[in-house]
Amino acid sequence: MIPQRPDASAVSDAAALLTTAREVTLLAHLNPDADALGSALALAIALHRRGAAVQVSFATPDEFPETLRPLDALGLVVPSDEVWPAPEVLVSCDAADPGRLGHLADRLVTAGASVMIDHHASNPGFGTVQVLDPQAEATVVLVHEVLVEMGVGLDADIARCLYAGLVTDTRGFRTAGRSAHLLAADLIAAGVHPPDVVGPLMDTHPFSWLAALGEIIAGARLEAAAAGGLGLVHARVPFEISSRFRPAEVDSVIDVVRTAGEAEVAAVFKQVGPQRWVVSLRSNGRVDVAAAAVAMGGGGHPVAAGFTADGPPEVLLGVLRGALSADRPRLVG
């Protein structure tokens, strides 16, 4: 049973463990976004300044995502092949399950202790200490709670990392509640200049992307009868495009497709191999796309989820239609 609010004792236990740790590895999930890497770096900066040996990493990609590099103010990110084989403490940030850590998931076994900090509704729970809250708008919200418990004050470097995760996971604060707005105000007071953070993350693309985006959107399709009659809009990003552009561009497609007013659910199929597709799902709130994603072997939140699957896109789309219906069949094979 997933808790509806984080256990206060879990936050305290995480803070106590990290306060005394001398060596900490912090991992973001595969293909990290601003919430995952911002969470890891905010904690890492605080721990580094307290004298701990720290490193931040992620299993893939091999290159540091360009749009996220400004968050690493102290140069704490290391390649995955340099991650300590048996850290004293391992912190998993924003990973919905151990598999989202990729080949670095084995550190959960070799570490002396582990802390999982996450807000995905599909998270089954893992790690020595579990700070899990599906109601939190972003994992950085939970990281902030741990930092407060540790007695860490906000500075500009930590605040930028937290703000990056908060603004992106709330779609520019469109889905943010009162507490998230209050936290944002504190982060700005600590030295965040929102345009400097938001611009590279959400509002800057190469000119050549406009033509590619137009091609993708031209191929979008609306199925009014899908998702129980609430509507499904879907589009594909072929490998020729996904391989030419940064994840920042490719991942932004869902935010355009989801604006179709006739559809409750939006899906974007991003081709990353000959038959491999990474699929992003979004809902306006009436369909639990996390349940559909879990049925497809993925996970996420009720309004934002995803999965990775192999096969012809037409077949995967057909299974997704079923997963969005009442019986929600699972992928087989």
Protein backbone atom coordinates (compact mmCIF):
# COMPACT_ATOMS: atom_id res chain seq x y z
CA MET A 1 0.00 0.00 0.00
CA ILE A 2 1.56 3.31 -1.08
CA PRO A 3 1.39 5.98 1.64
CA GLN A 4 -0.55 9.10 0.81
CA ARG A 5 1.86 11.36 2.66
CA PRO A 6 5.54 10.74 3.42
CA ASP A 7 6.16 9.19 6.81
CA ALA A 8 7.70 11.93 8.98
CA SER A 9 9.93 9.30 10.52
CA ALA A 10 11.23 8.38 7.04
CA VAL A 11 12.23 12.01 6.42
CA SER A 12 13.92 12.09 9.83
CA ASP A 13 15.65 8.76 9.20
CA ALA A 14 16.90 9.94 5.81
CA ALA A 15 18.18 13.19 7.28
CA ALA A 16 19.94 11.38 10.14
CA LEU A 17 21.58 8.89 7.80
CA LEU A 18 22.80 11.57 5.39
CA THR A 19 23.98 13.92 8.14
CA THR A 20 26.44 11.34 9.46
CA ALA A 21 27.45 9.78 6.11
CA ARG A 22 31.01 10.28 4.95
CA GLU A 23 30.55 8.91 1.43
CA VAL A 24 27.35 9.25 -0.58
CA THR A 25 26.44 8.32 -4.14
CA LEU A 26 23.30 9.95 -5.52
CA LEU A 27 21.66 8.45 -8.59
CA ALA A 28 19.10 9.97 -10.94
CA HIS A 29 16.98 7.74 -13.14
CA LEU A 30 17.75 6.74 -16.72
CA ASN A 31 17.76 9.71 -19.09
CA PRO A 32 17.41 12.11 -16.17
CA ASP A 33 15.10 15.09 -16.20
CA ALA A 34 15.36 18.25 -14.12
CA ASP A 35 13.48 16.75 -11.18
CA ALA A 36 15.71 13.68 -10.95
CA LEU A 37 19.03 15.44 -11.43
CA GLY A 38 17.96 18.57 -9.56
CA SER A 39 17.03 16.40 -6.57
CA ALA A 40 20.34 14.54 -6.62
CA LEU A 41 22.43 17.69 -7.06
CA ALA A 42 20.61 19.71 -4.39
CA LEU A 43 21.37 17.01 -1.83
CA ALA A 44 24.89 16.48 -3.17
CA ILE A 45 25.77 20.17 -2.88
CA ALA A 46 24.55 20.27 0.71
CA LEU A 47 26.46 17.10 1.63
CA HIS A 48 29.63 18.26 -0.13
CA ARG A 49 29.58 21.52 1.79
CA ARG A 50 29.29 19.52 5.00
CA GLY A 51 32.49 17.66 4.16
CA ALA A 52 31.14 14.38 2.78
CA ALA A 53 32.63 12.74 -0.31
CA VAL A 54 29.82 12.76 -2.87
CA GLN A 55 29.19 11.85 -6.48
CA VAL A 56 26.12 12.15 -8.69
CA SER A 57 25.48 9.95 -11.71
CA PHE A 58 22.96 8.18 -13.96
CA ALA A 59 23.18 5.04 -16.08
CA THR A 60 22.25 6.59 -19.43
CA PRO A 61 22.96 8.56 -21.53
CA ASP A 62 26.75 8.60 -21.56
CA GLU A 63 26.74 12.36 -22.13
CA PHE A 64 25.59 14.89 -19.54
CA PRO A 65 22.30 16.37 -20.88
CA GLU A 66 23.20 19.84 -22.14
CA THR A 67 20.19 21.62 -20.68
CA LEU A 68 20.92 20.27 -17.18
CA ARG A 69 24.63 21.09 -17.02
CA PRO A 70 24.11 24.52 -15.39
CA LEU A 71 22.69 22.76 -12.31
CA ASP A 72 26.03 21.09 -11.57
CA ALA A 73 27.64 24.18 -10.06
CA LEU A 74 30.30 22.20 -8.15
CA GLY A 75 31.13 19.59 -10.80
CA LEU A 76 29.76 16.66 -8.80
CA VAL A 77 28.40 14.60 -11.73
CA VAL A 78 30.60 11.66 -12.75
CA PRO A 79 30.29 9.10 -15.59
CA SER A 80 28.48 5.92 -14.62
CA ASP A 81 31.65 3.83 -14.92
CA GLU A 82 33.23 5.92 -12.16
CA VAL A 83 30.49 5.31 -9.60
CA TRP A 84 31.86 3.72 -6.45
CA PRO A 85 31.11 -0.02 -6.45
CA ALA A 86 30.02 -0.10 -2.80
CA PRO A 87 29.17 3.36 -1.46
CA GLU A 88 28.53 3.91 2.22
CA VAL A 89 25.13 5.42 1.40
CA LEU A 90 23.25 5.32 -1.90
CA VAL A 91 20.44 7.81 -2.64
CA SER A 92 17.97 7.06 -5.44
CA CYS A 93 16.25 10.21 -6.71
CA ASP A 94 12.96 10.22 -8.66
CA ALA A 95 13.27 6.56 -9.75
CA ALA A 96 9.87 4.85 -9.80
CA ASP A 97 11.46 1.42 -9.33
CA PRO A 98 14.98 -0.05 -9.16
CA GLY A 99 14.94 -0.78 -12.88
CA ARG A 100 14.89 2.95 -13.57
CA LEU A 101 18.46 3.10 -12.25
CA GLY A 102 19.63 0.90 -15.13
CA HIS A 103 22.90 -0.96 -14.65
CA LEU A 104 23.61 1.12 -11.53
CA ALA A 105 20.74 -0.58 -9.67
CA ASP A 106 23.22 -3.11 -8.30
CA ARG A 107 24.48 -0.37 -5.94
CA LEU A 108 21.27 -0.86 -3.99
CA VAL A 109 22.71 -4.24 -3.01
CA THR A 110 26.35 -3.27 -2.49
CA ALA A 111 25.73 0.00 -0.59
CA GLY A 112 25.93 0.02 3.19
CA ALA A 113 22.49 1.69 3.27
CA SER A 114 20.15 3.25 0.74
CA VAL A 115 17.64 6.09 0.68
CA MET A 116 14.86 6.21 -1.90
CA ILE A 117 13.25 9.63 -2.48
CA ASP A 118 10.40 9.64 -4.99
CA HIS A 119 6.87 10.81 -5.78
CA HIS A 120 5.67 8.31 -8.40
CA ALA A 121 2.34 6.68 -7.63
CA SER A 122 3.51 3.41 -9.19
CA ASN A 123 6.58 3.10 -6.94
CA PRO A 124 6.42 -0.26 -5.10
CA GLY A 125 8.82 0.91 -2.38
CA PHE A 126 12.50 -0.05 -2.12
CA GLY A 127 15.61 0.92 -0.20
CA THR A 128 16.59 0.99 3.47
CA VAL A 129 14.82 4.31 4.03
CA GLN A 130 11.83 5.19 1.84
CA VAL A 131 10.73 8.80 1.45
CA LEU A 132 7.77 8.31 -0.85
CA ASP A 133 4.85 10.66 -1.44
CA PRO A 134 2.65 10.38 -4.55
CA GLN A 135 0.95 13.65 -3.55
CA ALA A 136 4.14 15.69 -3.85
CA GLU A 137 4.31 17.72 -7.06
CA ALA A 138 7.95 16.77 -7.59
CA THR A 139 10.72 14.79 -5.93
CA VAL A 140 12.53 18.06 -5.20
CA VAL A 141 9.70 18.89 -2.77
CA LEU A 142 10.64 15.82 -0.74
CA VAL A 143 14.35 16.60 -1.03
CA HIS A 144 13.61 20.04 0.40
CA GLU A 145 11.89 18.37 3.38
CA VAL A 146 14.99 16.25 3.99
CA LEU A 147 17.25 19.31 3.72
CA VAL A 148 15.11 21.20 6.23
CA GLU A 149 15.30 18.23 8.61
CA MET A 150 19.08 18.24 8.17
CA GLY A 151 19.19 21.92 9.08
CA VAL A 152 20.51 22.93 5.67
CA GLY A 153 19.74 26.49 4.64
CA LEU A 154 18.97 27.37 1.05
CA ASP A 155 21.62 29.04 -1.08
CA ALA A 156 21.49 29.97 -4.76
CA ASP A 157 23.11 26.74 -6.02
CA ILE A 158 20.79 24.44 -4.07
CA ALA A 159 17.76 26.61 -4.81
CA ARG A 160 18.38 26.50 -8.58
CA CYS A 161 18.41 22.70 -8.51
CA LEU A 162 15.16 22.56 -6.55
CA TYR A 163 13.47 25.19 -8.70
CA ALA A 164 14.41 23.37 -11.92
CA GLY A 165 12.66 20.21 -10.74
CA LEU A 166 9.66 22.09 -9.42
CA VAL A 167 8.99 24.23 -12.48
CA THR A 168 9.35 21.35 -14.95
CA ASP A 169 7.34 18.73 -13.06
CA THR A 170 4.46 21.19 -12.53
CA ARG A 171 4.44 22.24 -16.21
CA GLY A 172 5.48 25.77 -15.39
CA PHE A 173 3.38 25.72 -12.17
CA ARG A 174 0.17 24.87 -14.06
CA THR A 175 -0.37 21.88 -11.76
CA ALA A 176 1.26 23.35 -8.66
CA GLY A 177 -0.60 23.69 -5.39
CA ARG A 178 -0.23 26.34 -2.72
CA SER A 179 2.74 24.69 -1.01
CA ALA A 180 4.66 24.44 -4.27
CA HIS A 181 4.12 28.14 -4.97
CA LEU A 182 5.28 28.98 -1.45
CA LEU A 183 8.39 26.85 -1.93
CA ALA A 184 9.06 28.59 -5.24
CA ALA A 185 8.89 31.95 -3.48
CA ASP A 186 11.47 30.75 -0.94
CA LEU A 187 13.73 29.52 -3.74
CA ILE A 188 13.53 32.84 -5.52
CA ALA A 189 14.34 34.61 -2.27
CA ALA A 190 17.40 32.35 -1.98
CA GLY A 191 18.78 33.60 -5.28
CA VAL A 192 16.94 31.91 -8.15
CA HIS A 193 16.31 34.07 -11.23
CA PRO A 194 13.46 32.13 -12.90
CA PRO A 195 14.19 33.15 -16.54
CA ASP A 196 17.76 31.89 -16.20
CA VAL A 197 16.51 28.48 -15.04
CA VAL A 198 13.41 28.11 -17.20
CA GLY A 199 14.85 29.39 -20.47
CA PRO A 200 17.38 26.60 -21.12
CA LEU A 201 15.06 23.91 -19.76
CA MET A 202 11.75 24.74 -21.41
CA ASP A 203 11.94 27.69 -23.80
CA THR A 204 15.04 27.27 -25.97
CA HIS A 205 15.26 25.09 -29.08
CA PRO A 206 17.32 25.25 -32.30
CA PHE A 207 15.56 26.78 -35.29
CA SER A 208 15.78 23.48 -37.19
CA TRP A 209 13.54 21.94 -34.53
CA LEU A 210 10.57 23.99 -35.71
CA ALA A 211 10.40 22.16 -39.05
CA ALA A 212 10.82 18.79 -37.36
CA LEU A 213 8.10 19.60 -34.84
CA GLY A 214 5.81 20.65 -37.66
CA GLU A 215 6.35 17.29 -39.35
CA ILE A 216 5.55 15.43 -36.13
CA ILE A 217 2.41 17.44 -35.40
CA ALA A 218 1.21 17.05 -38.99
CA GLY A 219 1.17 13.31 -38.38
CA ALA A 220 -0.77 13.47 -35.10
CA ARG A 221 -4.07 11.60 -34.97
CA LEU A 222 -7.20 12.06 -32.86
CA GLU A 223 -9.32 9.08 -31.75
CA ALA A 224 -12.44 10.50 -30.15
CA ALA A 225 -13.83 7.11 -29.11
CA ALA A 226 -10.68 5.97 -27.29
CA ALA A 227 -10.07 6.20 -23.54
CA GLY A 228 -13.67 5.36 -22.76
CA GLY A 229 -14.98 7.98 -25.16
CA LEU A 230 -12.91 10.76 -23.60
CA GLY A 231 -10.52 10.88 -26.53
CA LEU A 232 -6.91 9.99 -27.30
CA VAL A 233 -4.51 12.07 -29.37
CA HIS A 234 -1.22 10.50 -30.40
CA ALA A 235 1.86 11.29 -32.45
CA ARG A 236 5.13 9.62 -33.38
CA VAL A 237 8.70 10.86 -33.34
CA PRO A 238 10.61 8.71 -35.86
CA PHE A 239 14.20 7.69 -35.17
CA GLU A 240 15.44 10.03 -37.88
CA ILE A 241 14.21 12.93 -35.76
CA SER A 242 14.77 11.55 -32.24
CA SER A 243 18.40 10.80 -33.09
CA ARG A 244 19.08 14.28 -34.47
CA PHE A 245 17.80 16.35 -31.58
CA ARG A 246 18.39 16.62 -27.85
CA PRO A 247 16.05 14.98 -25.34
CA ALA A 248 14.94 18.52 -24.48
CA GLU A 249 13.38 18.82 -27.91
CA VAL A 250 11.99 15.30 -28.23
CA ASP A 251 10.50 15.28 -24.74
CA SER A 252 8.76 18.61 -25.36
CA VAL A 253 6.50 17.13 -28.07
CA ILE A 254 4.03 15.77 -25.52
CA ASP A 255 3.39 19.27 -24.20
CA VAL A 256 2.23 20.35 -27.66
CA VAL A 257 0.19 17.24 -28.44
CA ARG A 258 -1.61 17.36 -25.10
CA THR A 259 -3.12 20.75 -25.94
CA ALA A 260 -5.70 19.12 -28.25
CA GLY A 261 -8.95 20.05 -26.53
CA GLU A 262 -10.89 17.07 -27.88
CA ALA A 263 -8.73 14.48 -26.12
CA GLU A 264 -8.43 13.61 -22.45
CA VAL A 265 -5.28 11.54 -23.04
CA ALA A 266 -2.20 12.33 -25.11
CA ALA A 267 0.51 9.88 -26.14
CA VAL A 268 3.79 10.42 -27.96
CA PHE A 269 5.70 7.42 -29.33
CA LYS A 270 9.43 8.22 -29.55
CA GLN A 271 11.45 5.75 -31.60
CA VAL A 272 14.84 4.98 -30.03
CA GLY A 273 15.68 1.77 -31.93
CA PRO A 274 14.51 -0.31 -34.90
CA GLN A 275 11.52 -1.64 -32.95
CA ARG A 276 11.91 0.15 -29.60
CA TRP A 277 9.63 3.00 -28.53
CA VAL A 278 9.64 5.21 -25.46
CA VAL A 279 6.08 6.39 -24.89
CA SER A 280 5.00 9.46 -22.92
CA LEU A 281 1.42 9.63 -21.62
CA ARG A 282 -0.48 12.62 -20.26
CA SER A 283 -4.00 13.03 -18.88
CA ASN A 284 -6.10 16.03 -18.00
CA GLY A 285 -7.19 14.25 -14.82
CA ARG A 286 -10.11 12.00 -15.76
CA VAL A 287 -8.03 9.00 -16.86
CA ASP A 288 -5.32 7.39 -14.72
CA VAL A 289 -2.50 7.04 -17.23
CA ALA A 290 -0.22 5.57 -14.53
CA ALA A 291 -2.48 2.50 -14.41
CA ALA A 292 -2.26 2.20 -18.19
CA ALA A 293 1.53 2.64 -18.09
CA VAL A 294 1.91 -0.05 -15.42
CA ALA A 295 -0.15 -2.40 -17.59
CA MET A 296 2.35 -1.69 -20.39
CA GLY A 297 5.35 -2.37 -18.16
CA GLY A 298 6.03 1.23 -17.14
CA GLY A 299 4.82 3.59 -14.44
CA GLY A 300 4.38 7.17 -13.36
CA HIS A 301 1.68 9.45 -12.01
CA PRO A 302 -2.08 9.48 -12.66
CA VAL A 303 -1.68 12.45 -15.02
CA ALA A 304 1.85 11.83 -16.35
CA ALA A 305 3.35 8.43 -17.03
CA GLY A 306 5.22 6.40 -19.60
CA PHE A 307 6.63 3.07 -20.69
CA THR A 308 9.16 1.52 -23.06
CA ALA A 309 8.20 -1.33 -25.35
CA ASP A 310 9.35 -3.19 -28.45
CA GLY A 311 7.22 -3.88 -31.49
CA PRO A 312 5.46 -2.27 -34.43
CA PRO A 313 3.94 1.06 -33.35
CA GLU A 314 0.51 0.08 -34.65
CA VAL A 315 0.52 -2.98 -32.38
CA LEU A 316 1.71 -1.00 -29.36
CA LEU A 317 -0.94 1.64 -30.02
CA GLY A 318 -3.60 -1.07 -30.11
CA VAL A 319 -2.48 -2.46 -26.75
CA LEU A 320 -2.41 1.08 -25.34
CA ARG A 321 -6.02 1.59 -26.43
CA GLY A 322 -6.93 -1.49 -24.44
CA ALA A 323 -4.86 -0.36 -21.46
CA LEU A 324 -6.82 2.89 -21.40
CA SER A 325 -10.11 0.99 -21.27
CA ALA A 326 -11.69 -0.68 -18.23
CA ASP A 327 -10.07 -4.11 -18.67
CA ARG A 328 -6.54 -2.71 -19.26
CA PRO A 329 -4.91 -5.78 -20.90
CA ARG A 330 -1.17 -6.23 -20.40
CA LEU A 331 1.54 -6.56 -23.01
CA VAL A 332 2.68 -10.15 -23.54
CA GLY A 333 5.71 -11.64 -25.18
